[in-house]
C-alpha atoms as a PDB file:
ATOM      1  CA  MET A   1     -38.668 -20.386  -0.055  1.00  0.00           C
ATOM      2  CA  THR A   2     -35.999 -22.363  -1.903  1.00  0.00           C
ATOM      3  CA  PRO A   3     -36.549 -22.310  -5.695  1.00  0.00           C
ATOM      4  CA  LEU A   4     -37.647 -25.608  -7.195  1.00  0.00           C
ATOM      5  CA  PHE A   5     -34.813 -25.624  -9.748  1.00  0.00           C
ATOM      6  CA  PRO A   6     -31.206 -24.569  -9.149  1.00  0.00           C
ATOM      7  CA  VAL A   7     -29.607 -21.674 -10.980  1.00  0.00           C
ATOM      8  CA  THR A   8     -27.081 -22.456 -13.705  1.00  0.00           C
ATOM      9  CA  PHE A   9     -24.108 -20.131 -13.297  1.00  0.00           C
ATOM     10  CA  PHE A  10     -21.652 -19.516 -16.152  1.00  0.00           C
ATOM     11  CA  HIS A  11     -18.399 -18.495 -14.536  1.00  0.00           C
ATOM     12  CA  ALA A  12     -14.685 -17.982 -15.125  1.00  0.00           C
ATOM     13  CA  PRO A  13     -12.029 -17.359 -12.474  1.00  0.00           C
ATOM     14  CA  HIS A  14     -10.102 -14.087 -12.462  1.00  0.00           C
ATOM     15  CA  SER A  15     -13.030 -12.270 -14.032  1.00  0.00           C
ATOM     16  CA  ARG A  16     -15.913 -10.069 -13.000  1.00  0.00           C
ATOM     17  CA  SER A  17     -18.016 -13.140 -12.365  1.00  0.00           C
ATOM     18  CA  GLY A  18     -16.043 -13.678  -9.166  1.00  0.00           C
ATOM     19  CA  ILE A  19     -18.442 -11.137  -7.672  1.00  0.00           C
ATOM     20  CA  THR A  20     -21.411 -13.347  -8.560  1.00  0.00           C
ATOM     21  CA  ARG A  21     -19.617 -16.325  -7.028  1.00  0.00           C
ATOM     22  CA  ALA A  22     -19.173 -14.267  -3.855  1.00  0.00           C
ATOM     23  CA  LEU A  23     -22.907 -13.553  -3.783  1.00  0.00           C
ATOM     24  CA  PHE A  24     -23.696 -17.272  -3.977  1.00  0.00           C
ATOM     25  CA  GLU A  25     -21.448 -17.703  -0.923  1.00  0.00           C
ATOM     26  CA  GLU A  26     -23.201 -14.850   0.895  1.00  0.00           C
ATOM     27  CA  LEU A  27     -26.573 -16.392   0.095  1.00  0.00           C
ATOM     28  CA  GLY A  28     -25.348 -19.805   1.215  1.00  0.00           C
ATOM     29  CA  VAL A  29     -27.037 -21.541  -1.715  1.00  0.00           C
ATOM     30  CA  GLY A  30     -25.775 -23.927  -4.346  1.00  0.00           C
ATOM     31  CA  CYS A  31     -25.872 -23.656  -8.115  1.00  0.00           C
ATOM     32  CA  ASP A  32     -25.006 -25.641 -11.210  1.00  0.00           C
ATOM     33  CA  MET A  33     -21.709 -23.999 -12.145  1.00  0.00           C
ATOM     34  CA  VAL A  34     -20.465 -24.142 -15.724  1.00  0.00           C
ATOM     35  CA  THR A  35     -16.843 -22.986 -15.796  1.00  0.00           C
ATOM     36  CA  LEU A  36     -15.197 -21.349 -18.773  1.00  0.00           C
ATOM     37  CA  ASN A  37     -11.504 -20.920 -19.421  1.00  0.00           C
ATOM     38  CA  LEU A  38     -11.039 -17.371 -20.690  1.00  0.00           C
ATOM     39  CA  LYS A  39      -7.408 -17.935 -21.663  1.00  0.00           C
ATOM     40  CA  ALA A  40      -8.520 -20.803 -23.882  1.00  0.00           C
ATOM     41  CA  GLY A  41     -11.164 -18.563 -25.465  1.00  0.00           C
ATOM     42  CA  GLU A  42     -14.092 -20.700 -24.356  1.00  0.00           C
ATOM     43  CA  GLN A  43     -16.204 -17.573 -23.865  1.00  0.00           C
ATOM     44  CA  ARG A  44     -16.048 -17.049 -27.650  1.00  0.00           C
ATOM     45  CA  SER A  45     -17.107 -20.591 -28.527  1.00  0.00           C
ATOM     46  CA  ALA A  46     -20.268 -21.018 -30.585  1.00  0.00           C
ATOM     47  CA  GLU A  47     -21.810 -22.929 -27.708  1.00  0.00           C
ATOM     48  CA  TYR A  48     -21.342 -20.084 -25.241  1.00  0.00           C
ATOM     49  CA  LEU A  49     -22.156 -17.314 -27.723  1.00  0.00           C
ATOM     50  CA  ALA A  50     -25.536 -19.004 -28.128  1.00  0.00           C
ATOM     51  CA  ILE A  51     -26.024 -18.326 -24.420  1.00  0.00           C
ATOM     52  CA  ASN A  52     -24.509 -14.849 -24.263  1.00  0.00           C
ATOM     53  CA  PRO A  53     -23.780 -13.302 -27.679  1.00  0.00           C
ATOM     54  CA  MET A  54     -21.536 -10.747 -25.947  1.00  0.00           C
ATOM     55  CA  GLY A  55     -19.150 -13.541 -24.962  1.00  0.00           C
ATOM     56  CA  LYS A  56     -18.976 -12.299 -21.374  1.00  0.00           C
ATOM     57  CA  VAL A  57     -19.309 -13.775 -17.922  1.00  0.00           C
ATOM     58  CA  PRO A  58     -21.168 -13.907 -15.657  1.00  0.00           C
ATOM     59  CA  ALA A  59     -24.449 -15.206 -16.946  1.00  0.00           C
ATOM     60  CA  ILE A  60     -27.113 -17.256 -15.218  1.00  0.00           C
ATOM     61  CA  ARG A  61     -30.032 -19.341 -16.421  1.00  0.00           C
ATOM     62  CA  HIS A  62     -32.982 -20.184 -14.208  1.00  0.00           C
ATOM     63  CA  GLU A  63     -36.157 -21.985 -15.184  1.00  0.00           C
ATOM     64  CA  GLY A  64     -35.572 -21.188 -18.852  1.00  0.00           C
ATOM     65  CA  VAL A  65     -34.778 -17.520 -18.251  1.00  0.00           C
ATOM     66  CA  LEU A  66     -31.347 -16.172 -19.169  1.00  0.00           C
ATOM     67  CA  ILE A  67     -29.940 -13.204 -17.253  1.00  0.00           C
ATOM     68  CA  THR A  68     -26.748 -11.388 -18.171  1.00  0.00           C
ATOM     69  CA  GLU A  69     -25.117  -8.182 -16.858  1.00  0.00           C
ATOM     70  CA  GLN A  70     -23.724  -8.382 -13.372  1.00  0.00           C
ATOM     71  CA  PRO A  71     -26.062  -5.962 -11.535  1.00  0.00           C
ATOM     72  CA  ALA A  72     -29.123  -7.657 -13.053  1.00  0.00           C
ATOM     73  CA  ILE A  73     -27.783 -11.061 -12.030  1.00  0.00           C
ATOM     74  CA  LEU A  74     -27.111  -9.959  -8.462  1.00  0.00           C
ATOM     75  CA  MET A  75     -30.533  -8.342  -8.129  1.00  0.00           C
ATOM     76  CA  TYR A  76     -32.224 -11.438  -9.534  1.00  0.00           C
ATOM     77  CA  LEU A  77     -30.416 -13.762  -7.147  1.00  0.00           C
ATOM     78  CA  ALA A  78     -30.960 -11.582  -4.089  1.00  0.00           C
ATOM     79  CA  ASP A  79     -34.687 -11.346  -4.891  1.00  0.00           C
ATOM     80  CA  LEU A  80     -34.836 -15.089  -5.600  1.00  0.00           C
ATOM     81  CA  TYR A  81     -33.851 -15.776  -1.981  1.00  0.00           C
ATOM     82  CA  PRO A  82     -35.649 -13.008  -0.038  1.00  0.00           C
ATOM     83  CA  GLU A  83     -35.266 -14.897   3.243  1.00  0.00           C
ATOM     84  CA  LYS A  84     -31.503 -14.219   3.075  1.00  0.00           C
ATOM     85  CA  GLY A  85     -32.128 -10.484   3.511  1.00  0.00           C
ATOM     86  CA  LEU A  86     -29.635  -9.291   0.889  1.00  0.00           C
ATOM     87  CA  ALA A  87     -32.121  -7.126  -1.001  1.00  0.00           C
ATOM     88  CA  PRO A  88     -34.554  -4.580   0.459  1.00  0.00           C
ATOM     89  CA  ALA A  89     -38.139  -5.569  -0.301  1.00  0.00           C
ATOM     90  CA  ILE A  90     -40.164  -3.535  -2.785  1.00  0.00           C
ATOM     91  CA  ASP A  91     -41.896  -1.666   0.071  1.00  0.00           C
ATOM     92  CA  ASP A  92     -38.685  -1.073   2.026  1.00  0.00           C
ATOM     93  CA  PRO A  93     -37.549   2.599   2.115  1.00  0.00           C
ATOM     94  CA  LEU A  94     -34.055   1.389   1.172  1.00  0.00           C
ATOM     95  CA  ARG A  95     -35.257  -0.224  -2.064  1.00  0.00           C
ATOM     96  CA  GLY A  96     -34.845   2.912  -4.169  1.00  0.00           C
ATOM     97  CA  ALA A  97     -31.288   3.567  -2.990  1.00  0.00           C
ATOM     98  CA  TYR A  98     -30.440  -0.103  -3.500  1.00  0.00           C
ATOM     99  CA  LEU A  99     -31.621  -0.018  -7.115  1.00  0.00           C
ATOM    100  CA  ARG A 100     -29.867   3.290  -7.704  1.00  0.00           C
ATOM    101  CA  TRP A 101     -26.480   1.970  -6.667  1.00  0.00           C
ATOM    102  CA  MET A 102     -26.833  -1.330  -8.459  1.00  0.00           C
ATOM    103  CA  VAL A 103     -27.511   0.526 -11.712  1.00  0.00           C
ATOM    104  CA  PHE A 104     -24.908   3.242 -11.035  1.00  0.00           C
ATOM    105  CA  TYR A 105     -22.210   0.574 -11.254  1.00  0.00           C
ATOM    106  CA  GLY A 106     -22.880  -0.181 -14.921  1.00  0.00           C
ATOM    107  CA  SER A 107     -24.122   3.206 -16.079  1.00  0.00           C
ATOM    108  CA  CYS A 108     -21.450   5.393 -14.474  1.00  0.00           C
ATOM    109  CA  PHE A 109     -18.638   3.539 -12.685  1.00  0.00           C
ATOM    110  CA  GLU A 110     -17.702   1.019 -15.394  1.00  0.00           C
ATOM    111  CA  PRO A 111     -17.584   3.512 -18.274  1.00  0.00           C
ATOM    112  CA  ALA A 112     -15.695   6.024 -16.128  1.00  0.00           C
ATOM    113  CA  ILE A 113     -12.925   3.597 -15.199  1.00  0.00           C
ATOM    114  CA  SER A 114     -12.851   2.124 -18.720  1.00  0.00           C
ATOM    115  CA  ASP A 115     -12.164   5.565 -20.185  1.00  0.00           C
ATOM    116  CA  ARG A 116      -9.549   6.076 -17.482  1.00  0.00           C
ATOM    117  CA  SER A 117      -7.899   2.745 -18.215  1.00  0.00           C
ATOM    118  CA  GLN A 118      -7.667   3.317 -21.966  1.00  0.00           C
ATOM    119  CA  GLN A 119      -6.809   6.981 -21.552  1.00  0.00           C
ATOM    120  CA  HIS A 120      -9.791   7.892 -23.695  1.00  0.00           C
ATOM    121  CA  GLU A 121     -10.823  11.493 -23.682  1.00  0.00           C
ATOM    122  CA  PRO A 122     -14.467  11.454 -22.499  1.00  0.00           C
ATOM    123  CA  LEU A 123     -17.163  13.395 -24.237  1.00  0.00           C
ATOM    124  CA  PRO A 124     -17.942  16.870 -22.901  1.00  0.00           C
ATOM    125  CA  GLN A 125     -19.743  16.528 -19.583  1.00  0.00           C
ATOM    126  CA  ILE A 126     -23.080  17.662 -20.994  1.00  0.00           C
ATOM    127  CA  ALA A 127     -22.964  14.852 -23.577  1.00  0.00           C
ATOM    128  CA  CYS A 128     -21.222  12.146 -21.517  1.00  0.00           C
ATOM    129  CA  ALA A 129     -23.631   9.538 -20.165  1.00  0.00           C
ATOM    130  CA  TYR A 130     -21.707   9.142 -16.894  1.00  0.00           C
ATOM    131  CA  GLY A 131     -20.869  12.819 -16.371  1.00  0.00           C
ATOM    132  CA  ASP A 132     -17.167  12.846 -15.553  1.00  0.00           C
ATOM    133  CA  TYR A 133     -14.695  10.619 -13.717  1.00  0.00           C
ATOM    134  CA  ALA A 134     -14.073  12.952 -10.785  1.00  0.00           C
ATOM    135  CA  SER A 135     -17.786  13.373 -10.079  1.00  0.00           C
ATOM    136  CA  VAL A 136     -18.366   9.617 -10.200  1.00  0.00           C
ATOM    137  CA  MET A 137     -15.655   9.010  -7.604  1.00  0.00           C
ATOM    138  CA  ARG A 138     -16.825  11.828  -5.341  1.00  0.00           C
ATOM    139  CA  VAL A 139     -20.429  10.620  -5.410  1.00  0.00           C
ATOM    140  CA  ILE A 140     -19.428   7.063  -4.468  1.00  0.00           C
ATOM    141  CA  ALA A 141     -17.123   8.309  -1.708  1.00  0.00           C
ATOM    142  CA  ALA A 142     -19.863  10.518  -0.255  1.00  0.00           C
ATOM    143  CA  GLN A 143     -22.285   7.589  -0.155  1.00  0.00           C
ATOM    144  CA  LEU A 144     -19.753   5.365   1.610  1.00  0.00           C
ATOM    145  CA  ALA A 145     -18.727   8.011   4.130  1.00  0.00           C
ATOM    146  CA  ALA A 146     -21.689   7.316   6.421  1.00  0.00           C
ATOM    147  CA  GLY A 147     -20.806   3.579   6.446  1.00  0.00           C
ATOM    148  CA  PRO A 148     -20.231   0.956   7.370  1.00  0.00           C
ATOM    149  CA  TRP A 149     -22.018  -0.318   4.240  1.00  0.00           C
ATOM    150  CA  LEU A 150     -23.264   1.271   1.059  1.00  0.00           C
ATOM    151  CA  LEU A 151     -26.800   1.663   2.456  1.00  0.00           C
ATOM    152  CA  GLY A 152     -25.669   2.496   5.973  1.00  0.00           C
ATOM    153  CA  GLU A 153     -26.112  -0.157   8.641  1.00  0.00           C
ATOM    154  CA  ARG A 154     -27.505  -2.830   6.324  1.00  0.00           C
ATOM    155  CA  PHE A 155     -25.284  -5.144   4.276  1.00  0.00           C
ATOM    156  CA  THR A 156     -26.843  -6.029   0.907  1.00  0.00           C
ATOM    157  CA  ALA A 157     -25.987  -7.537  -2.454  1.00  0.00           C
ATOM    158  CA  ALA A 158     -24.925  -4.023  -3.463  1.00  0.00           C
ATOM    159  CA  ASP A 159     -21.966  -4.349  -1.090  1.00  0.00           C
ATOM    160  CA  VAL A 160     -20.896  -7.594  -2.736  1.00  0.00           C
ATOM    161  CA  LEU A 161     -20.908  -5.737  -6.045  1.00  0.00           C
ATOM    162  CA  TRP A 162     -19.183  -2.564  -4.892  1.00  0.00           C
ATOM    163  CA  GLY A 163     -16.734  -4.296  -2.583  1.00  0.00           C
ATOM    164  CA  GLY A 164     -15.468  -6.296  -5.542  1.00  0.00           C
ATOM    165  CA  ALA A 165     -15.573  -3.417  -8.010  1.00  0.00           C
ATOM    166  CA  LEU A 166     -13.696  -0.993  -5.779  1.00  0.00           C
ATOM    167  CA  ASN A 167     -11.193  -3.655  -4.781  1.00  0.00           C
ATOM    168  CA  TYR A 168     -10.368  -4.147  -8.467  1.00  0.00           C
ATOM    169  CA  GLY A 169     -10.237  -0.393  -8.982  1.00  0.00           C
ATOM    170  CA  LEU A 170      -7.769   0.087  -6.145  1.00  0.00           C
ATOM    171  CA  MET A 171      -5.536  -2.771  -7.294  1.00  0.00           C
ATOM    172  CA  THR A 172      -5.369  -1.375 -10.827  1.00  0.00           C
ATOM    173  CA  GLU A 173      -5.113   2.251  -9.654  1.00  0.00           C
ATOM    174  CA  LEU A 174      -8.267   3.125 -11.593  1.00  0.00           C
ATOM    175  CA  VAL A 175      -9.904   4.287  -8.366  1.00  0.00           C
ATOM    176  CA  PRO A 176      -8.332   6.963  -6.133  1.00  0.00           C
ATOM    177  CA  ASP A 177      -6.505   5.551  -3.111  1.00  0.00           C
ATOM    178  CA  TRP A 178      -8.778   7.332  -0.647  1.00  0.00           C
ATOM    179  CA  PRO A 179      -9.227   6.038   2.928  1.00  0.00           C
ATOM    180  CA  VAL A 180     -12.990   5.806   2.473  1.00  0.00           C
ATOM    181  CA  PHE A 181     -12.491   3.350  -0.410  1.00  0.00           C
ATOM    182  CA  ARG A 182      -9.706   1.347   1.253  1.00  0.00           C
ATOM    183  CA  GLU A 183     -11.565   0.948   4.530  1.00  0.00           C
ATOM    184  CA  TYR A 184     -14.809  -0.061   2.822  1.00  0.00           C
ATOM    185  CA  VAL A 185     -13.046  -2.636   0.644  1.00  0.00           C
ATOM    186  CA  GLU A 186     -11.280  -4.067   3.695  1.00  0.00           C
ATOM    187  CA  ARG A 187     -14.629  -4.505   5.482  1.00  0.00           C
ATOM    188  CA  VAL A 188     -16.179  -6.295   2.525  1.00  0.00           C
ATOM    189  CA  GLN A 189     -13.171  -8.431   1.626  1.00  0.00           C
ATOM    190  CA  SER A 190     -12.665  -9.550   5.240  1.00  0.00           C
ATOM    191  CA  ARG A 191     -16.047 -11.282   5.342  1.00  0.00           C
ATOM    192  CA  PRO A 192     -15.567 -15.081   5.548  1.00  0.00           C
ATOM    193  CA  THR A 193     -17.929 -15.677   2.645  1.00  0.00           C
ATOM    194  CA  ILE A 194     -16.060 -13.270   0.386  1.00  0.00           C
ATOM    195  CA  ARG A 195     -12.695 -14.774   1.358  1.00  0.00           C
ATOM    196  CA  ARG A 196     -14.019 -18.276   0.713  1.00  0.00           C
ATOM    197  CA  ALA A 197     -15.234 -17.346  -2.780  1.00  0.00           C
ATOM    198  CA  PHE A 198     -11.838 -15.816  -3.561  1.00  0.00           C
ATOM    199  CA  GLU A 199      -9.977 -18.908  -2.365  1.00  0.00           C
ATOM    200  CA  GLN A 200     -12.237 -21.190  -4.391  1.00  0.00           C
ATOM    201  CA  ASP A 201     -11.645 -19.077  -7.475  1.00  0.00           C
ATOM    202  CA  GLU A 202      -7.880 -19.204  -6.990  1.00  0.00           C
ATOM    203  CA  GLU A 203      -8.082 -22.993  -6.803  1.00  0.00           C
ATOM    204  CA  LEU A 204     -10.193 -23.111  -9.966  1.00  0.00           C
ATOM    205  CA  ALA A 205      -7.702 -20.863 -11.782  1.00  0.00           C
ATOM    206  CA  ARG A 206      -4.852 -23.191 -10.784  1.00  0.00           C
ATOM    207  CA  GLU A 207      -6.804 -26.192 -12.050  1.00  0.00           C
ATOM    208  CA  GLN A 208      -7.331 -24.493 -15.389  1.00  0.00           C
ATOM    209  CA  GLU A 209      -3.619 -23.698 -15.630  1.00  0.00           C
ATOM    210  CA  VAL A 210      -2.773 -27.368 -15.059  1.00  0.00           C
ATOM    211  CA  VAL A 211      -5.198 -28.478 -17.767  1.00  0.00           C
ATOM    212  CA  ALA A 212      -3.806 -25.886 -20.184  1.00  0.00           C
ATOM    213  CA  ALA A 213      -0.245 -27.073 -19.526  1.00  0.00           C
END
């Protein structure tokens, strides 16, 4: 059932919120998009900090409820439109794995590649919340090996998340250039909806450059 009120989506091109934009395309639903120019520092404006004190995108607001953090946003949206089939239902055997991998992104993958990027020495494995970089990459690779999607034969919102995250990781060399990662990213990025979201974001980025000039 279509929600009574549209979702307000706070977005900036060339940022992590491109993944949320891709999910809107996969869902085939509209939203009220509020665009921010990161280069102009609009994410640090008092107006936006009142919405998300972390000064980050994406964020969404729906029927008075504010949701931040990308995995939470994707899970909310996929559950908001259950007829689109992008989230296993609560009684679906795949639900547990789906939740696991949505949370693994923020709890393990992001901190692992952030430490890698900044060349930070992680805490000893026993004290490090994400374990260690090598284990994180091996665990993701093992899950993807069965393919074609993260949960096997079923494409879900988790693939929108991980297809974008691993694509970024490969481009920045923060993720190992393993065939299992490259092939998975190619499958996700070749989807017409994902390509369309990317093209729209590139157009938005060009528009912001023109305004800034």
